[in-house]
N, C-alpha and C. Protein backbone atom coordinates (compact mmCIF):
# COMPACT_ATOMS: atom_id res chain seq x y z
N MET A 1 0.82 -1.15 0.00
CA MET A 1 0.00 0.00 0.00
C MET A 1 0.89 1.24 0.00
N ALA A 2 0.61 2.08 -0.90
CA ALA A 2 1.42 3.28 -1.02
C ALA A 2 0.78 4.39 -0.19
N PHE A 3 1.65 5.02 0.56
CA PHE A 3 1.16 6.13 1.38
C PHE A 3 1.48 7.46 0.69
N ARG A 4 0.51 8.26 0.72
CA ARG A 4 0.72 9.60 0.17
C ARG A 4 0.92 10.58 1.30
N SER A 5 1.76 11.52 1.02
CA SER A 5 2.01 12.53 2.04
C SER A 5 0.85 13.51 2.02
N ARG A 6 0.43 13.88 3.21
CA ARG A 6 -0.69 14.80 3.31
C ARG A 6 -0.23 16.26 3.29
N ILE A 7 1.04 16.48 3.19
CA ILE A 7 1.56 17.85 3.14
C ILE A 7 1.34 18.39 1.73
N ARG A 8 0.65 19.51 1.70
CA ARG A 8 0.39 20.13 0.40
C ARG A 8 1.56 21.02 0.01
N ARG A 9 1.96 20.87 -1.14
CA ARG A 9 3.03 21.72 -1.65
C ARG A 9 2.41 22.98 -2.23
N GLU A 10 3.01 24.14 -1.85
CA GLU A 10 2.56 25.39 -2.43
C GLU A 10 3.43 25.69 -3.65
N PRO A 11 2.84 26.29 -4.64
CA PRO A 11 3.64 26.61 -5.83
C PRO A 11 4.76 27.60 -5.46
N LEU A 12 5.88 27.48 -6.18
CA LEU A 12 7.00 28.37 -5.92
C LEU A 12 6.64 29.80 -6.27
N ARG A 13 6.99 30.72 -5.38
CA ARG A 13 6.75 32.14 -5.63
C ARG A 13 8.06 32.79 -6.05
N LEU A 14 7.96 33.60 -7.05
CA LEU A 14 9.12 34.36 -7.47
C LEU A 14 9.24 35.59 -6.58
N PRO A 15 10.44 35.94 -6.18
CA PRO A 15 10.57 37.13 -5.34
C PRO A 15 10.17 38.37 -6.12
N GLU A 16 9.48 39.28 -5.46
CA GLU A 16 9.01 40.50 -6.10
C GLU A 16 9.90 41.68 -5.71
N ILE A 17 10.13 42.52 -6.64
CA ILE A 17 10.86 43.75 -6.38
C ILE A 17 9.84 44.88 -6.46
N THR A 18 9.69 45.58 -5.37
CA THR A 18 8.74 46.69 -5.38
C THR A 18 9.42 47.91 -5.97
N LEU A 19 8.82 48.46 -6.99
CA LEU A 19 9.40 49.59 -7.70
C LEU A 19 8.94 50.94 -7.17
N VAL A 20 7.94 50.95 -6.35
CA VAL A 20 7.39 52.22 -5.86
C VAL A 20 8.45 53.04 -5.12
N PRO A 21 9.21 52.48 -4.16
CA PRO A 21 10.23 53.32 -3.50
C PRO A 21 11.31 53.81 -4.47
N LEU A 22 11.65 53.00 -5.46
CA LEU A 22 12.65 53.40 -6.44
C LEU A 22 12.14 54.57 -7.28
N ILE A 23 10.91 54.50 -7.71
CA ILE A 23 10.32 55.58 -8.51
C ILE A 23 10.19 56.84 -7.67
N ASP A 24 9.76 56.71 -6.42
CA ASP A 24 9.64 57.87 -5.54
C ASP A 24 10.99 58.56 -5.36
N THR A 25 12.02 57.77 -5.15
CA THR A 25 13.36 58.34 -4.97
C THR A 25 13.83 59.04 -6.25
N ALA A 26 13.61 58.42 -7.40
CA ALA A 26 14.03 59.00 -8.67
C ALA A 26 13.31 60.32 -8.93
N LEU A 27 12.01 60.36 -8.68
CA LEU A 27 11.26 61.60 -8.90
C LEU A 27 11.67 62.69 -7.92
N THR A 28 11.95 62.32 -6.69
CA THR A 28 12.42 63.30 -5.71
C THR A 28 13.75 63.90 -6.14
N LEU A 29 14.67 63.06 -6.58
CA LEU A 29 15.96 63.57 -7.06
C LEU A 29 15.79 64.45 -8.29
N LEU A 30 14.89 64.07 -9.18
CA LEU A 30 14.63 64.87 -10.37
C LEU A 30 14.14 66.26 -9.98
N ILE A 31 13.22 66.33 -9.05
CA ILE A 31 12.69 67.62 -8.60
C ILE A 31 13.79 68.46 -7.96
N ILE A 32 14.63 67.83 -7.14
CA ILE A 32 15.73 68.56 -6.48
C ILE A 32 16.68 69.13 -7.53
N PHE A 33 17.02 68.34 -8.55
CA PHE A 33 17.93 68.82 -9.59
C PHE A 33 17.29 69.92 -10.44
N MET A 34 15.99 69.82 -10.68
CA MET A 34 15.32 70.85 -11.45
C MET A 34 15.31 72.18 -10.71
N ILE A 35 15.22 72.13 -9.41
CA ILE A 35 15.20 73.35 -8.61
C ILE A 35 16.59 73.95 -8.47
N THR A 36 17.58 73.10 -8.26
CA THR A 36 18.93 73.62 -8.00
C THR A 36 19.75 73.89 -9.25
N ALA A 37 19.40 73.33 -10.39
CA ALA A 37 20.20 73.50 -11.60
C ALA A 37 20.33 74.97 -12.02
N PRO A 38 19.27 75.76 -12.02
CA PRO A 38 19.45 77.17 -12.39
C PRO A 38 20.35 77.94 -11.42
N MET A 39 20.42 77.51 -10.19
CA MET A 39 21.25 78.20 -9.20
C MET A 39 22.72 77.81 -9.31
N MET A 40 23.02 76.76 -10.07
CA MET A 40 24.38 76.25 -10.16
C MET A 40 25.21 76.96 -11.22
N ARG A 41 24.68 77.99 -11.83
CA ARG A 41 25.40 78.70 -12.88
C ARG A 41 26.68 79.29 -12.29
N LEU A 42 27.79 78.89 -12.88
CA LEU A 42 29.06 79.40 -12.41
C LEU A 42 29.19 80.85 -12.83
N SER A 43 29.50 81.69 -11.89
CA SER A 43 29.68 83.09 -12.23
C SER A 43 30.56 83.74 -11.19
N ILE A 44 31.00 84.92 -11.52
CA ILE A 44 31.76 85.70 -10.58
C ILE A 44 30.82 86.70 -9.94
N LYS A 45 31.17 87.18 -8.77
CA LYS A 45 30.28 88.12 -8.07
C LYS A 45 30.36 89.48 -8.74
N VAL A 46 29.24 89.91 -9.28
CA VAL A 46 29.15 91.20 -9.95
C VAL A 46 28.00 91.96 -9.32
N GLU A 47 28.30 93.14 -8.79
CA GLU A 47 27.27 94.01 -8.24
C GLU A 47 26.93 95.03 -9.31
N LEU A 48 25.75 94.89 -9.90
CA LEU A 48 25.37 95.72 -11.04
C LEU A 48 25.05 97.14 -10.60
N PRO A 49 25.32 98.11 -11.47
CA PRO A 49 24.95 99.49 -11.16
C PRO A 49 23.43 99.66 -11.22
N ASP A 50 22.93 100.66 -10.52
CA ASP A 50 21.49 100.92 -10.47
C ASP A 50 21.08 101.86 -11.60
N SER A 51 19.83 101.71 -12.02
CA SER A 51 19.27 102.58 -13.04
C SER A 51 17.77 102.70 -12.80
N LYS A 52 17.26 103.92 -12.91
CA LYS A 52 15.83 104.14 -12.73
C LYS A 52 15.06 103.87 -14.01
N THR A 53 15.73 103.96 -15.16
CA THR A 53 15.03 103.83 -16.44
C THR A 53 15.35 102.53 -17.16
N ALA A 54 16.01 101.61 -16.48
CA ALA A 54 16.37 100.35 -17.13
C ALA A 54 15.12 99.57 -17.50
N ARG A 55 15.12 99.02 -18.72
CA ARG A 55 14.02 98.18 -19.17
C ARG A 55 14.38 96.72 -18.94
N ALA A 56 13.39 95.94 -18.61
CA ALA A 56 13.63 94.52 -18.37
C ALA A 56 13.89 93.83 -19.70
N THR A 57 15.00 93.13 -19.78
CA THR A 57 15.35 92.36 -20.96
C THR A 57 15.65 90.95 -20.51
N LYS A 58 15.07 90.00 -21.18
CA LYS A 58 15.29 88.61 -20.80
C LYS A 58 16.57 88.11 -21.45
N VAL A 59 17.48 87.64 -20.61
CA VAL A 59 18.72 87.05 -21.10
C VAL A 59 18.48 85.56 -21.25
N GLU A 60 18.47 85.08 -22.48
CA GLU A 60 18.21 83.68 -22.76
C GLU A 60 19.39 82.81 -22.35
N GLU A 61 19.14 81.53 -22.20
CA GLU A 61 20.20 80.59 -21.82
C GLU A 61 21.32 80.55 -22.85
N GLU A 62 20.97 80.67 -24.13
CA GLU A 62 21.99 80.59 -25.17
C GLU A 62 22.62 81.95 -25.48
N SER A 63 22.17 83.01 -24.81
CA SER A 63 22.74 84.34 -25.04
C SER A 63 24.20 84.37 -24.60
N ILE A 64 24.94 85.26 -25.20
CA ILE A 64 26.36 85.43 -24.85
C ILE A 64 26.43 86.42 -23.70
N VAL A 65 26.88 85.95 -22.55
CA VAL A 65 26.97 86.78 -21.35
C VAL A 65 28.44 86.89 -20.96
N VAL A 66 28.88 88.13 -20.80
CA VAL A 66 30.25 88.42 -20.35
C VAL A 66 30.14 89.16 -19.02
N GLU A 67 30.89 88.69 -18.02
CA GLU A 67 30.86 89.30 -16.70
C GLU A 67 32.26 89.81 -16.36
N MET A 68 32.32 90.96 -15.68
CA MET A 68 33.61 91.52 -15.24
C MET A 68 33.45 91.99 -13.80
N ASP A 69 34.32 91.48 -12.91
CA ASP A 69 34.23 91.87 -11.51
C ASP A 69 35.18 93.02 -11.20
N THR A 70 35.23 93.43 -9.95
CA THR A 70 36.04 94.60 -9.56
C THR A 70 37.54 94.36 -9.73
N ARG A 71 37.98 93.12 -9.74
CA ARG A 71 39.40 92.82 -9.91
C ARG A 71 39.81 92.73 -11.37
N GLY A 72 38.87 92.89 -12.27
CA GLY A 72 39.18 92.81 -13.69
C GLY A 72 39.08 91.41 -14.26
N GLN A 73 38.61 90.45 -13.46
CA GLN A 73 38.41 89.09 -13.95
C GLN A 73 37.21 89.09 -14.90
N VAL A 74 37.38 88.47 -16.05
CA VAL A 74 36.31 88.40 -17.04
C VAL A 74 35.90 86.94 -17.19
N ARG A 75 34.59 86.71 -17.22
CA ARG A 75 34.08 85.35 -17.38
C ARG A 75 33.06 85.35 -18.51
N CYS A 76 33.18 84.33 -19.34
CA CYS A 76 32.20 84.10 -20.40
C CYS A 76 31.91 82.61 -20.41
N GLY A 77 30.68 82.26 -20.13
CA GLY A 77 30.32 80.84 -20.02
C GLY A 77 31.01 80.25 -18.82
N ASP A 78 31.73 79.17 -19.02
CA ASP A 78 32.41 78.52 -17.90
C ASP A 78 33.91 78.83 -17.88
N LYS A 79 34.36 79.74 -18.75
CA LYS A 79 35.78 80.09 -18.81
C LYS A 79 36.03 81.44 -18.16
N GLN A 80 37.16 81.54 -17.47
CA GLN A 80 37.54 82.79 -16.84
C GLN A 80 38.85 83.29 -17.45
N TYR A 81 38.90 84.59 -17.67
CA TYR A 81 40.06 85.21 -18.30
C TYR A 81 40.58 86.34 -17.41
N ASN A 82 41.89 86.48 -17.35
CA ASN A 82 42.51 87.59 -16.65
C ASN A 82 43.21 88.43 -17.70
N LEU A 83 42.48 89.36 -18.29
CA LEU A 83 42.97 90.11 -19.44
C LEU A 83 44.04 91.14 -19.05
N GLU A 84 44.03 91.60 -17.80
CA GLU A 84 45.01 92.60 -17.38
C GLU A 84 46.38 91.98 -17.12
N GLN A 85 46.42 90.86 -16.45
CA GLN A 85 47.70 90.26 -16.07
C GLN A 85 48.30 89.40 -17.17
N ASP A 86 47.48 88.88 -18.06
CA ASP A 86 47.98 88.03 -19.14
C ASP A 86 47.41 88.53 -20.47
N PRO A 87 48.13 89.42 -21.14
CA PRO A 87 47.63 89.97 -22.41
C PRO A 87 47.41 88.90 -23.48
N GLY A 88 48.07 87.76 -23.37
CA GLY A 88 47.87 86.69 -24.33
C GLY A 88 46.47 86.10 -24.28
N GLN A 89 45.80 86.27 -23.16
CA GLN A 89 44.45 85.73 -23.04
C GLN A 89 43.43 86.55 -23.83
N LEU A 90 43.80 87.77 -24.22
CA LEU A 90 42.88 88.60 -24.99
C LEU A 90 42.53 87.94 -26.32
N ALA A 91 43.54 87.39 -26.99
CA ALA A 91 43.29 86.71 -28.28
C ALA A 91 42.43 85.47 -28.07
N VAL A 92 42.67 84.73 -26.99
CA VAL A 92 41.87 83.54 -26.68
C VAL A 92 40.43 83.95 -26.38
N PHE A 93 40.26 85.03 -25.62
CA PHE A 93 38.94 85.55 -25.27
C PHE A 93 38.17 85.94 -26.54
N LYS A 94 38.81 86.69 -27.44
CA LYS A 94 38.16 87.10 -28.68
C LYS A 94 37.76 85.90 -29.52
N ARG A 95 38.65 84.92 -29.61
CA ARG A 95 38.37 83.72 -30.41
C ARG A 95 37.19 82.94 -29.82
N ASP A 96 37.16 82.81 -28.47
CA ASP A 96 36.06 82.09 -27.84
C ASP A 96 34.73 82.79 -28.05
N ILE A 97 34.72 84.12 -27.97
CA ILE A 97 33.48 84.87 -28.20
C ILE A 97 33.06 84.74 -29.67
N ALA A 98 34.02 84.87 -30.58
CA ALA A 98 33.70 84.79 -32.01
C ALA A 98 33.10 83.44 -32.38
N ARG A 99 33.52 82.38 -31.70
CA ARG A 99 32.95 81.05 -31.97
C ARG A 99 31.48 80.97 -31.56
N ARG A 100 31.11 81.71 -30.53
CA ARG A 100 29.73 81.65 -30.03
C ARG A 100 28.78 82.56 -30.78
N VAL A 101 29.31 83.52 -31.54
CA VAL A 101 28.48 84.48 -32.26
C VAL A 101 27.92 83.81 -33.52
N THR A 102 26.60 83.91 -33.69
CA THR A 102 25.94 83.42 -34.89
C THR A 102 25.03 84.53 -35.41
N SER A 103 24.44 84.31 -36.56
CA SER A 103 23.54 85.35 -37.10
C SER A 103 22.30 85.53 -36.22
N ALA A 104 21.87 84.47 -35.55
CA ALA A 104 20.71 84.57 -34.67
C ALA A 104 21.10 85.00 -33.26
N ASN A 105 22.34 84.80 -32.89
CA ASN A 105 22.80 85.10 -31.53
C ASN A 105 24.01 86.04 -31.65
N ASN A 106 23.72 87.31 -31.96
CA ASN A 106 24.80 88.25 -32.23
C ASN A 106 24.86 89.40 -31.24
N ALA A 107 24.17 89.28 -30.12
CA ALA A 107 24.19 90.31 -29.08
C ALA A 107 24.94 89.77 -27.86
N ILE A 108 25.69 90.65 -27.23
CA ILE A 108 26.45 90.28 -26.03
C ILE A 108 25.92 91.11 -24.87
N PHE A 109 25.65 90.46 -23.75
CA PHE A 109 25.21 91.13 -22.54
C PHE A 109 26.40 91.26 -21.60
N LEU A 110 26.77 92.50 -21.29
CA LEU A 110 27.93 92.78 -20.47
C LEU A 110 27.49 93.13 -19.05
N PHE A 111 27.82 92.25 -18.11
CA PHE A 111 27.55 92.47 -16.69
C PHE A 111 28.85 93.00 -16.07
N ALA A 112 28.92 94.31 -15.82
CA ALA A 112 30.13 94.91 -15.26
C ALA A 112 29.82 95.42 -13.85
N ASP A 113 30.70 95.13 -12.92
CA ASP A 113 30.51 95.52 -11.53
C ASP A 113 30.51 97.05 -11.40
N ARG A 114 29.70 97.56 -10.49
CA ARG A 114 29.58 99.00 -10.31
C ARG A 114 30.87 99.62 -9.77
N GLY A 115 31.74 98.82 -9.15
CA GLY A 115 32.98 99.33 -8.59
C GLY A 115 34.10 99.48 -9.61
N LEU A 116 33.88 99.08 -10.84
CA LEU A 116 34.91 99.19 -11.88
C LEU A 116 35.07 100.63 -12.34
N ARG A 117 36.30 100.95 -12.72
CA ARG A 117 36.53 102.25 -13.35
C ARG A 117 35.85 102.22 -14.72
N TYR A 118 35.28 103.34 -15.06
CA TYR A 118 34.55 103.44 -16.32
C TYR A 118 35.44 103.10 -17.51
N GLN A 119 36.72 103.45 -17.43
CA GLN A 119 37.65 103.19 -18.52
C GLN A 119 37.77 101.69 -18.81
N LYS A 120 37.78 100.86 -17.76
CA LYS A 120 37.90 99.41 -17.95
C LYS A 120 36.66 98.86 -18.67
N ILE A 121 35.51 99.40 -18.32
CA ILE A 121 34.28 98.95 -18.97
C ILE A 121 34.30 99.32 -20.44
N VAL A 122 34.73 100.54 -20.75
CA VAL A 122 34.79 101.01 -22.14
C VAL A 122 35.80 100.18 -22.93
N GLU A 123 36.93 99.84 -22.33
CA GLU A 123 37.92 99.02 -23.03
C GLU A 123 37.36 97.65 -23.38
N LEU A 124 36.66 97.00 -22.42
CA LEU A 124 36.05 95.70 -22.70
C LEU A 124 34.93 95.84 -23.73
N PHE A 125 34.17 96.92 -23.63
CA PHE A 125 33.10 97.20 -24.58
C PHE A 125 33.68 97.31 -26.00
N ASP A 126 34.79 98.02 -26.14
CA ASP A 126 35.44 98.16 -27.45
C ASP A 126 35.94 96.83 -27.99
N VAL A 127 36.50 96.01 -27.11
CA VAL A 127 36.98 94.69 -27.52
C VAL A 127 35.82 93.85 -28.05
N LEU A 128 34.71 93.87 -27.33
CA LEU A 128 33.54 93.08 -27.73
C LEU A 128 32.94 93.60 -29.03
N ASN A 129 32.87 94.91 -29.20
CA ASN A 129 32.32 95.49 -30.43
C ASN A 129 33.18 95.19 -31.65
N ALA A 130 34.46 95.00 -31.44
CA ALA A 130 35.38 94.76 -32.56
C ALA A 130 35.33 93.32 -33.08
N ILE A 131 34.69 92.43 -32.34
CA ILE A 131 34.62 91.03 -32.77
C ILE A 131 33.66 90.91 -33.95
N GLU A 132 34.11 90.22 -34.97
CA GLU A 132 33.31 90.09 -36.18
C GLU A 132 32.01 89.34 -35.91
N GLY A 133 30.91 89.91 -36.40
CA GLY A 133 29.60 89.29 -36.23
C GLY A 133 28.79 89.85 -35.07
N VAL A 134 29.43 90.56 -34.16
CA VAL A 134 28.71 91.13 -33.01
C VAL A 134 27.96 92.37 -33.48
N GLN A 135 26.65 92.36 -33.29
CA GLN A 135 25.82 93.49 -33.70
C GLN A 135 25.54 94.46 -32.55
N HIS A 136 25.38 93.91 -31.33
CA HIS A 136 25.02 94.74 -30.19
C HIS A 136 25.79 94.28 -28.95
N VAL A 137 26.21 95.25 -28.16
CA VAL A 137 26.75 94.97 -26.83
C VAL A 137 25.90 95.74 -25.85
N ALA A 138 25.22 95.04 -24.96
CA ALA A 138 24.30 95.67 -24.01
C ALA A 138 24.92 95.69 -22.63
N LEU A 139 24.96 96.88 -22.02
CA LEU A 139 25.39 97.01 -20.64
C LEU A 139 24.21 96.69 -19.74
N VAL A 140 24.36 95.75 -18.85
CA VAL A 140 23.27 95.31 -18.01
C VAL A 140 23.31 96.06 -16.68
N THR A 141 22.17 96.59 -16.27
CA THR A 141 22.04 97.26 -14.97
C THR A 141 20.88 96.63 -14.23
N GLN A 142 20.75 97.00 -12.96
CA GLN A 142 19.57 96.53 -12.22
C GLN A 142 18.68 97.73 -11.95
N ARG A 143 17.42 97.51 -12.07
CA ARG A 143 16.44 98.59 -11.91
C ARG A 143 16.15 98.81 -10.44
N ILE A 144 16.20 100.05 -10.01
CA ILE A 144 15.82 100.37 -8.64
C ILE A 144 14.38 100.83 -8.64
N THR A 145 13.69 100.42 -7.63
CA THR A 145 12.27 100.79 -7.56
C THR A 145 11.98 101.64 -6.37
């Protein structure tokens, strides 16, 4: 007589991976990066001069922005130039700006610190105007209310 075991076998279960915590974490990180990414723009500290009649102009992400601080450090994009101490960087600076100038993107926004001597601003302004393809150089100020 054959005896059968009364123990019932349950079917094998495959282990489950819950994706909800993974998705929650990914979306949280995405939101954090979306909030902090605009603040991560590398720049030098520039205190803009005040103006009562300044008009609001939107500086687009692809616009050419040149910044100059009180020490004469010039920054364009992620590159920094010291035009006063190393005159050889002037040619590199002009070449880098000329590469970014296109027929649709031919305006340069100049952020110059209020503590700069006016002569330094005019010299940089002249350098920027002399670059081939540049149509406009705009001095950026902040509006006082």
